Amino acid sequence: MPKPSIGAHHLRKQTSLRAGLKVEKFPFPGIMGFDKLNEDENMKKSVRTRGAKKAQVLGSTVIYKGPVFGIRRDEVIEPSGVRATREVITHPGSVVVLPVLPDGKILLIQQYRHATRQYLWELVAGRMDPGETPKMAAARELIEETGYRAKNFRVFLDVFPTPGFLEERMFILLAEGLTAGTAEPEEDEKIISRAYGTKQLEEMIRTGKLRDAKSIAGILFYFRFLSPDGRLRK
């Protein structure tokens, strides 16, 4: 899940990350290739339900506003006609990066997650800063956490990880054309990275060594639909 505060340290890097990045249209139905012109329209389309009325928000109260997320209480009449009080966690959105090395291995990171009280293996991930597109945030996070640069980014999953109470929208991107560099972690991040092959990752998922939900979803989708071996099995 996205990490705590991404501050001015990140914002200073955005200009240098804008150049030289390529994001490709992805050829699967419902999966987006992003550009600045159509991103707003895609955001609107994602919240529409065919034939349904929109929810009517009667009033909102901000309960908490912090550097990472906020909490808001809404009085709402939902499309079904139900009137309810809903408390939601506000969030600017996040990215997850699945980096594929030239030998086909996938790069994971390990760090301590205090909410779970343990170290977890997972894909690169983080919050989107204001004004960032998914590819810009993905490029920044990949550099910060691993030092790698990628020539190509593709959004292959666009999901809501916890829709019952969390507004976060999560974009999972494939990163290819990697070149190694020096990681630039935040002051409160202690991260190690390691590359794993297909069989190793499948075993980590099967045995519960890999427990991060977004990483499991992204890796399994990649194995089934995107990797050369997965496409051959179809």
C-alpha atoms as a PDB file:
ATOM      1  CA  MET A   1       0.000   0.000   0.000  1.00  0.00           C
ATOM      2  CA  PRO A   2       1.057   3.550  -0.463  1.00  0.00           C
ATOM      3  CA  LYS A   3       3.596   4.807   1.996  1.00  0.00           C
ATOM      4  CA  PRO A   4       3.401   7.775   4.318  1.00  0.00           C
ATOM      5  CA  SER A   5       4.025  11.295   3.185  1.00  0.00           C
ATOM      6  CA  ILE A   6       5.700  12.063  -0.106  1.00  0.00           C
ATOM      7  CA  GLY A   7       7.001  15.552   0.339  1.00  0.00           C
ATOM      8  CA  ALA A   8       9.056  18.215  -1.315  1.00  0.00           C
ATOM      9  CA  HIS A   9      11.852  15.694  -1.868  1.00  0.00           C
ATOM     10  CA  HIS A  10       9.623  14.031  -4.466  1.00  0.00           C
ATOM     11  CA  LEU A  11       8.261  17.201  -5.987  1.00  0.00           C
ATOM     12  CA  ARG A  12      11.754  18.436  -6.803  1.00  0.00           C
ATOM     13  CA  LYS A  13      12.283  15.378  -9.013  1.00  0.00           C
ATOM     14  CA  GLN A  14       9.206  15.668 -11.190  1.00  0.00           C
ATOM     15  CA  THR A  15      10.680  17.948 -13.852  1.00  0.00           C
ATOM     16  CA  SER A  16      13.600  15.613 -14.534  1.00  0.00           C
ATOM     17  CA  LEU A  17      11.286  12.600 -14.721  1.00  0.00           C
ATOM     18  CA  ARG A  18       8.962  14.086 -17.331  1.00  0.00           C
ATOM     19  CA  ALA A  19      11.501  13.752 -20.140  1.00  0.00           C
ATOM     20  CA  GLY A  20      12.318  10.503 -21.884  1.00  0.00           C
ATOM     21  CA  LEU A  21       9.365   8.454 -20.625  1.00  0.00           C
ATOM     22  CA  LYS A  22       7.113   6.508 -22.937  1.00  0.00           C
ATOM     23  CA  VAL A  23       3.706   5.135 -21.979  1.00  0.00           C
ATOM     24  CA  GLU A  24       1.974   2.765 -24.365  1.00  0.00           C
ATOM     25  CA  LYS A  25      -1.683   2.084 -25.072  1.00  0.00           C
ATOM     26  CA  PHE A  26      -2.507  -1.325 -23.696  1.00  0.00           C
ATOM     27  CA  PRO A  27      -4.453  -3.702 -25.950  1.00  0.00           C
ATOM     28  CA  PHE A  28      -6.834  -5.223 -23.397  1.00  0.00           C
ATOM     29  CA  PRO A  29     -10.463  -4.072 -23.008  1.00  0.00           C
ATOM     30  CA  GLY A  30     -11.008  -1.676 -20.122  1.00  0.00           C
ATOM     31  CA  ILE A  31      -7.307  -1.114 -19.513  1.00  0.00           C
ATOM     32  CA  MET A  32      -6.022   2.367 -20.116  1.00  0.00           C
ATOM     33  CA  GLY A  33      -2.985   3.954 -21.669  1.00  0.00           C
ATOM     34  CA  PHE A  34      -2.808   7.411 -20.145  1.00  0.00           C
ATOM     35  CA  ASP A  35      -2.250  10.816 -21.614  1.00  0.00           C
ATOM     36  CA  LYS A  36      -3.139  14.158 -20.136  1.00  0.00           C
ATOM     37  CA  LEU A  37      -5.918  14.861 -22.645  1.00  0.00           C
ATOM     38  CA  ASN A  38      -8.138  11.894 -21.854  1.00  0.00           C
ATOM     39  CA  GLU A  39      -7.321  11.233 -18.198  1.00  0.00           C
ATOM     40  CA  ASP A  40     -10.114  13.410 -16.799  1.00  0.00           C
ATOM     41  CA  GLU A  41     -12.704  11.787 -19.070  1.00  0.00           C
ATOM     42  CA  ASN A  42     -11.508   8.315 -18.107  1.00  0.00           C
ATOM     43  CA  MET A  43     -11.869   9.224 -14.446  1.00  0.00           C
ATOM     44  CA  LYS A  44     -15.482  10.297 -15.037  1.00  0.00           C
ATOM     45  CA  LYS A  45     -16.364   7.180 -17.003  1.00  0.00           C
ATOM     46  CA  SER A  46     -15.024   4.866 -14.305  1.00  0.00           C
ATOM     47  CA  VAL A  47     -17.608   6.035 -11.746  1.00  0.00           C
ATOM     48  CA  ARG A  48     -20.644   5.701 -13.997  1.00  0.00           C
ATOM     49  CA  THR A  49     -22.956   2.734 -13.652  1.00  0.00           C
ATOM     50  CA  ARG A  50     -25.070   1.940 -16.702  1.00  0.00           C
ATOM     51  CA  GLY A  51     -28.680   3.000 -16.167  1.00  0.00           C
ATOM     52  CA  ALA A  52     -28.145   4.128 -12.565  1.00  0.00           C
ATOM     53  CA  LYS A  53     -28.773   7.503 -10.997  1.00  0.00           C
ATOM     54  CA  LYS A  54     -25.950   9.322  -9.283  1.00  0.00           C
ATOM     55  CA  ALA A  55     -25.715   9.482  -5.516  1.00  0.00           C
ATOM     56  CA  GLN A  56     -26.914  12.734  -3.975  1.00  0.00           C
ATOM     57  CA  VAL A  57     -24.590  14.087  -1.295  1.00  0.00           C
ATOM     58  CA  LEU A  58     -26.653  16.096   1.188  1.00  0.00           C
ATOM     59  CA  GLY A  59     -23.742  17.243   3.304  1.00  0.00           C
ATOM     60  CA  SER A  60     -20.108  16.491   4.152  1.00  0.00           C
ATOM     61  CA  THR A  61     -18.006  16.972   7.254  1.00  0.00           C
ATOM     62  CA  VAL A  62     -14.209  16.700   7.323  1.00  0.00           C
ATOM     63  CA  ILE A  63     -13.299  14.625  10.382  1.00  0.00           C
ATOM     64  CA  TYR A  64      -9.553  14.524   9.862  1.00  0.00           C
ATOM     65  CA  LYS A  65      -7.077  15.836   7.312  1.00  0.00           C
ATOM     66  CA  GLY A  66      -3.491  14.615   7.431  1.00  0.00           C
ATOM     67  CA  PRO A  67      -0.468  14.482   5.125  1.00  0.00           C
ATOM     68  CA  VAL A  68      -1.279  10.980   3.843  1.00  0.00           C
ATOM     69  CA  PHE A  69      -5.077  10.678   3.956  1.00  0.00           C
ATOM     70  CA  GLY A  70      -8.208  12.279   5.363  1.00  0.00           C
ATOM     71  CA  ILE A  71     -11.519  11.136   6.816  1.00  0.00           C
ATOM     72  CA  ARG A  72     -14.860  12.565   5.653  1.00  0.00           C
ATOM     73  CA  ARG A  73     -18.425  11.871   6.791  1.00  0.00           C
ATOM     74  CA  ASP A  74     -21.083  12.155   4.071  1.00  0.00           C
ATOM     75  CA  GLU A  75     -24.850  12.254   4.392  1.00  0.00           C
ATOM     76  CA  VAL A  76     -25.956  10.688   1.132  1.00  0.00           C
ATOM     77  CA  ILE A  77     -28.927   9.361  -0.780  1.00  0.00           C
ATOM     78  CA  GLU A  78     -27.494   6.494  -2.804  1.00  0.00           C
ATOM     79  CA  PRO A  79     -28.673   5.570  -6.336  1.00  0.00           C
ATOM     80  CA  SER A  80     -30.805   2.792  -4.840  1.00  0.00           C
ATOM     81  CA  GLY A  81     -32.733   5.364  -2.796  1.00  0.00           C
ATOM     82  CA  VAL A  82     -31.112   4.410   0.515  1.00  0.00           C
ATOM     83  CA  ARG A  83     -30.306   7.366   2.769  1.00  0.00           C
ATOM     84  CA  ALA A  84     -27.195   6.741   4.824  1.00  0.00           C
ATOM     85  CA  THR A  85     -24.239   8.202   6.648  1.00  0.00           C
ATOM     86  CA  ARG A  86     -20.988   7.047   5.083  1.00  0.00           C
ATOM     87  CA  GLU A  87     -17.510   7.651   6.450  1.00  0.00           C
ATOM     88  CA  VAL A  88     -14.792   7.482   3.828  1.00  0.00           C
ATOM     89  CA  ILE A  89     -11.021   7.778   3.814  1.00  0.00           C
ATOM     90  CA  THR A  90      -9.904  10.314   1.234  1.00  0.00           C
ATOM     91  CA  HIS A  91      -6.807   9.537  -0.812  1.00  0.00           C
ATOM     92  CA  PRO A  92      -5.170  11.088  -3.910  1.00  0.00           C
ATOM     93  CA  GLY A  93      -4.560   7.752  -5.649  1.00  0.00           C
ATOM     94  CA  SER A  94      -1.545   5.502  -5.972  1.00  0.00           C
ATOM     95  CA  VAL A  95       0.629   3.564  -8.373  1.00  0.00           C
ATOM     96  CA  VAL A  96       2.121   0.087  -8.266  1.00  0.00           C
ATOM     97  CA  VAL A  97       5.036  -0.803 -10.541  1.00  0.00           C
ATOM     98  CA  LEU A  98       5.810  -4.289 -11.858  1.00  0.00           C
ATOM     99  CA  PRO A  99       9.401  -4.038 -13.159  1.00  0.00           C
ATOM    100  CA  VAL A 100      10.456  -6.792 -15.568  1.00  0.00           C
ATOM    101  CA  LEU A 101      14.223  -7.179 -15.988  1.00  0.00           C
ATOM    102  CA  PRO A 102      15.811  -8.184 -19.321  1.00  0.00           C
ATOM    103  CA  ASP A 103      16.105 -11.810 -18.121  1.00  0.00           C
ATOM    104  CA  GLY A 104      12.373 -11.918 -17.383  1.00  0.00           C
ATOM    105  CA  LYS A 105      12.668 -11.771 -13.602  1.00  0.00           C
ATOM    106  CA  ILE A 106      10.421  -9.428 -11.613  1.00  0.00           C
ATOM    107  CA  LEU A 107      11.866  -6.989  -9.099  1.00  0.00           C
ATOM    108  CA  LEU A 108      10.362  -6.936  -5.612  1.00  0.00           C
ATOM    109  CA  ILE A 109      11.189  -4.791  -2.598  1.00  0.00           C
ATOM    110  CA  GLN A 110      11.050  -5.585   1.101  1.00  0.00           C
ATOM    111  CA  GLN A 111      10.316  -3.044   3.810  1.00  0.00           C
ATOM    112  CA  TYR A 112       8.776  -2.833   7.260  1.00  0.00           C
ATOM    113  CA  ARG A 113       5.027  -2.096   7.291  1.00  0.00           C
ATOM    114  CA  HIS A 114       4.049  -0.928  10.749  1.00  0.00           C
ATOM    115  CA  ALA A 115       0.324  -1.537  10.195  1.00  0.00           C
ATOM    116  CA  THR A 116       1.097  -5.259   9.801  1.00  0.00           C
ATOM    117  CA  ARG A 117       3.944  -5.310  12.372  1.00  0.00           C
ATOM    118  CA  GLN A 118       6.180  -7.158   9.929  1.00  0.00           C
ATOM    119  CA  TYR A 119       8.405  -6.924   6.878  1.00  0.00           C
ATOM    120  CA  LEU A 120       6.643  -7.568   3.579  1.00  0.00           C
ATOM    121  CA  TRP A 121       7.806  -8.382   0.086  1.00  0.00           C
ATOM    122  CA  GLU A 122       5.900  -6.344  -2.471  1.00  0.00           C
ATOM    123  CA  LEU A 123       6.018  -4.482  -5.751  1.00  0.00           C
ATOM    124  CA  VAL A 124       7.209  -0.877  -5.884  1.00  0.00           C
ATOM    125  CA  ALA A 125       4.337   1.423  -4.914  1.00  0.00           C
ATOM    126  CA  GLY A 126       3.457   4.855  -3.596  1.00  0.00           C
ATOM    127  CA  ARG A 127       1.041   7.766  -3.521  1.00  0.00           C
ATOM    128  CA  MET A 128       0.564  10.043  -6.509  1.00  0.00           C
ATOM    129  CA  ASP A 129       1.663  13.633  -5.928  1.00  0.00           C
ATOM    130  CA  PRO A 130      -0.565  16.538  -7.020  1.00  0.00           C
ATOM    131  CA  GLY A 131      -0.392  17.034 -10.786  1.00  0.00           C
ATOM    132  CA  GLU A 132       1.243  13.668 -11.492  1.00  0.00           C
ATOM    133  CA  THR A 133       0.008  11.188 -14.062  1.00  0.00           C
ATOM    134  CA  PRO A 134       0.311   7.476 -13.248  1.00  0.00           C
ATOM    135  CA  LYS A 135       3.413   7.090 -15.426  1.00  0.00           C
ATOM    136  CA  MET A 136       5.148  10.061 -13.770  1.00  0.00           C
ATOM    137  CA  ALA A 137       4.431   8.700 -10.289  1.00  0.00           C
ATOM    138  CA  ALA A 138       5.550   5.215 -11.363  1.00  0.00           C
ATOM    139  CA  ALA A 139       8.842   6.527 -12.732  1.00  0.00           C
ATOM    140  CA  ARG A 140       9.500   8.494  -9.540  1.00  0.00           C
ATOM    141  CA  GLU A 141       8.690   5.601  -7.229  1.00  0.00           C
ATOM    142  CA  LEU A 142      10.778   3.140  -9.256  1.00  0.00           C
ATOM    143  CA  ILE A 143      13.836   5.377  -9.019  1.00  0.00           C
ATOM    144  CA  GLU A 144      13.363   6.146  -5.346  1.00  0.00           C
ATOM    145  CA  GLU A 145      12.868   2.577  -4.192  1.00  0.00           C
ATOM    146  CA  THR A 146      15.145   0.636  -6.563  1.00  0.00           C
ATOM    147  CA  GLY A 147      17.279   3.065  -8.591  1.00  0.00           C
ATOM    148  CA  TYR A 148      16.014   1.574 -11.846  1.00  0.00           C
ATOM    149  CA  ARG A 149      14.845   3.691 -14.784  1.00  0.00           C
ATOM    150  CA  ALA A 150      12.332   2.308 -17.298  1.00  0.00           C
ATOM    151  CA  LYS A 151      11.885   3.270 -20.943  1.00  0.00           C
ATOM    152  CA  ASN A 152       8.297   2.057 -21.162  1.00  0.00           C
ATOM    153  CA  PHE A 153       5.347   2.086 -18.778  1.00  0.00           C
ATOM    154  CA  ARG A 154       1.937   0.505 -19.412  1.00  0.00           C
ATOM    155  CA  VAL A 155      -1.088   0.713 -17.138  1.00  0.00           C
ATOM    156  CA  PHE A 156      -2.514  -2.805 -17.085  1.00  0.00           C
ATOM    157  CA  LEU A 157      -4.800  -2.667 -14.052  1.00  0.00           C
ATOM    158  CA  ASP A 158      -6.954   0.177 -12.708  1.00  0.00           C
ATOM    159  CA  VAL A 159      -8.565  -0.890  -9.434  1.00  0.00           C
ATOM    160  CA  PHE A 160     -10.145   0.244  -6.169  1.00  0.00           C
ATOM    161  CA  PRO A 161      -8.295  -1.764  -3.488  1.00  0.00           C
ATOM    162  CA  THR A 162     -10.774  -1.179  -0.628  1.00  0.00           C
ATOM    163  CA  PRO A 163     -14.000   0.309  -2.060  1.00  0.00           C
ATOM    164  CA  GLY A 164     -16.061  -0.145   1.088  1.00  0.00           C
ATOM    165  CA  PHE A 165     -14.585   2.945   2.747  1.00  0.00           C
ATOM    166  CA  LEU A 166     -11.465   4.079   0.857  1.00  0.00           C
ATOM    167  CA  GLU A 167     -11.511   6.489  -2.107  1.00  0.00           C
ATOM    168  CA  GLU A 168      -8.069   5.404  -3.296  1.00  0.00           C
ATOM    169  CA  ARG A 169      -7.799   4.528  -6.973  1.00  0.00           C
ATOM    170  CA  MET A 170      -4.789   2.350  -7.759  1.00  0.00           C
ATOM    171  CA  PHE A 171      -2.989   2.039 -11.090  1.00  0.00           C
ATOM    172  CA  ILE A 172      -0.734  -0.971 -11.660  1.00  0.00           C
ATOM    173  CA  LEU A 173       1.885  -0.436 -14.366  1.00  0.00           C
ATOM    174  CA  LEU A 174       4.264  -2.693 -16.235  1.00  0.00           C
ATOM    175  CA  ALA A 175       7.789  -1.231 -16.433  1.00  0.00           C
ATOM    176  CA  GLU A 176      10.108  -2.471 -19.185  1.00  0.00           C
ATOM    177  CA  GLY A 177      13.417  -1.429 -20.709  1.00  0.00           C
ATOM    178  CA  LEU A 178      15.082  -1.155 -17.312  1.00  0.00           C
ATOM    179  CA  THR A 179      18.508   0.290 -16.579  1.00  0.00           C
ATOM    180  CA  ALA A 180      20.086   0.131 -13.135  1.00  0.00           C
ATOM    181  CA  GLY A 181      20.921   3.166 -11.037  1.00  0.00           C
ATOM    182  CA  THR A 182      21.161   4.372  -7.455  1.00  0.00           C
ATOM    183  CA  ALA A 183      18.064   4.255  -5.275  1.00  0.00           C
ATOM    184  CA  GLU A 184      16.878   7.491  -3.651  1.00  0.00           C
ATOM    185  CA  PRO A 185      14.643   6.413  -0.741  1.00  0.00           C
ATOM    186  CA  GLU A 186      12.886   8.747   1.671  1.00  0.00           C
ATOM    187  CA  GLU A 187      14.523   9.357   5.030  1.00  0.00           C
ATOM    188  CA  ASP A 188      12.089   7.000   6.759  1.00  0.00           C
ATOM    189  CA  GLU A 189      12.456   4.187   4.212  1.00  0.00           C
ATOM    190  CA  LYS A 190      14.808   1.230   4.620  1.00  0.00           C
ATOM    191  CA  ILE A 191      14.303  -0.878   1.515  1.00  0.00           C
ATOM    192  CA  ILE A 192      16.029  -3.850  -0.055  1.00  0.00           C
ATOM    193  CA  SER A 193      15.262  -5.145  -3.559  1.00  0.00           C
ATOM    194  CA  ARG A 194      15.606  -8.573  -5.130  1.00  0.00           C
ATOM    195  CA  ALA A 195      14.688 -10.157  -8.460  1.00  0.00           C
ATOM    196  CA  TYR A 196      12.603 -13.333  -8.611  1.00  0.00           C
ATOM    197  CA  GLY A 197      11.742 -15.733 -11.402  1.00  0.00           C
ATOM    198  CA  THR A 198       8.301 -17.081 -12.256  1.00  0.00           C
ATOM    199  CA  LYS A 199       8.574 -20.325 -10.282  1.00  0.00           C
ATOM    200  CA  GLN A 200       9.929 -18.517  -7.234  1.00  0.00           C
ATOM    201  CA  LEU A 201       7.075 -16.003  -7.256  1.00  0.00           C
ATOM    202  CA  GLU A 202       4.437 -18.679  -7.730  1.00  0.00           C
ATOM    203  CA  GLU A 203       5.870 -20.535  -4.739  1.00  0.00           C
ATOM    204  CA  MET A 204       5.943 -17.347  -2.635  1.00  0.00           C
ATOM    205  CA  ILE A 205       2.274 -16.756  -3.403  1.00  0.00           C
ATOM    206  CA  ARG A 206       1.286 -20.397  -2.832  1.00  0.00           C
ATOM    207  CA  THR A 207       3.062 -20.655   0.528  1.00  0.00           C
ATOM    208  CA  GLY A 208       2.043 -17.243   1.864  1.00  0.00           C
ATOM    209  CA  LYS A 209       5.510 -15.705   1.802  1.00  0.00           C
ATOM    210  CA  LEU A 210       4.117 -12.995  -0.483  1.00  0.00           C
ATOM    211  CA  ARG A 211       1.131 -11.490   1.372  1.00  0.00           C
ATOM    212  CA  ASP A 212       0.700  -8.042  -0.157  1.00  0.00           C
ATOM    213  CA  ALA A 213      -2.612  -8.068  -2.031  1.00  0.00           C
ATOM    214  CA  LYS A 214      -1.796  -5.519  -4.725  1.00  0.00           C
ATOM    215  CA  SER A 215       1.420  -7.370  -5.562  1.00  0.00           C
ATOM    216  CA  ILE A 216      -0.310 -10.742  -5.766  1.00  0.00           C
ATOM    217  CA  ALA A 217      -2.995  -9.293  -8.065  1.00  0.00           C
ATOM    218  CA  GLY A 218      -0.477  -7.580 -10.329  1.00  0.00           C
ATOM    219  CA  ILE A 219       1.871 -10.553 -10.559  1.00  0.00           C
ATOM    220  CA  LEU A 220      -0.862 -13.112 -11.237  1.00  0.00           C
ATOM    221  CA  PHE A 221      -2.435 -10.871 -13.899  1.00  0.00           C
ATOM    222  CA  TYR A 222       0.970 -10.480 -15.515  1.00  0.00           C
ATOM    223  CA  PHE A 223       1.595 -14.231 -15.499  1.00  0.00           C
ATOM    224  CA  ARG A 224      -1.822 -15.015 -16.995  1.00  0.00           C
ATOM    225  CA  PHE A 225      -2.220 -12.299 -19.624  1.00  0.00           C
ATOM    226  CA  LEU A 226       1.041 -10.452 -20.279  1.00  0.00           C
ATOM    227  CA  SER A 227       4.107 -12.643 -19.887  1.00  0.00           C
ATOM    228  CA  PRO A 228       5.308 -14.644 -22.920  1.00  0.00           C
ATOM    229  CA  ASP A 229       4.646 -17.914 -21.089  1.00  0.00           C
ATOM    230  CA  GLY A 230       1.153 -16.817 -20.070  1.00  0.00           C
ATOM    231  CA  ARG A 231       0.195 -15.811 -23.609  1.00  0.00           C
ATOM    232  CA  LEU A 232       1.386 -19.155 -24.913  1.00  0.00           C
ATOM    233  CA  ARG A 233      -0.899 -20.989 -22.478  1.00  0.00           C
ATOM    234  CA  LYS A 234      -4.036 -19.236 -23.735  1.00  0.00           C
END
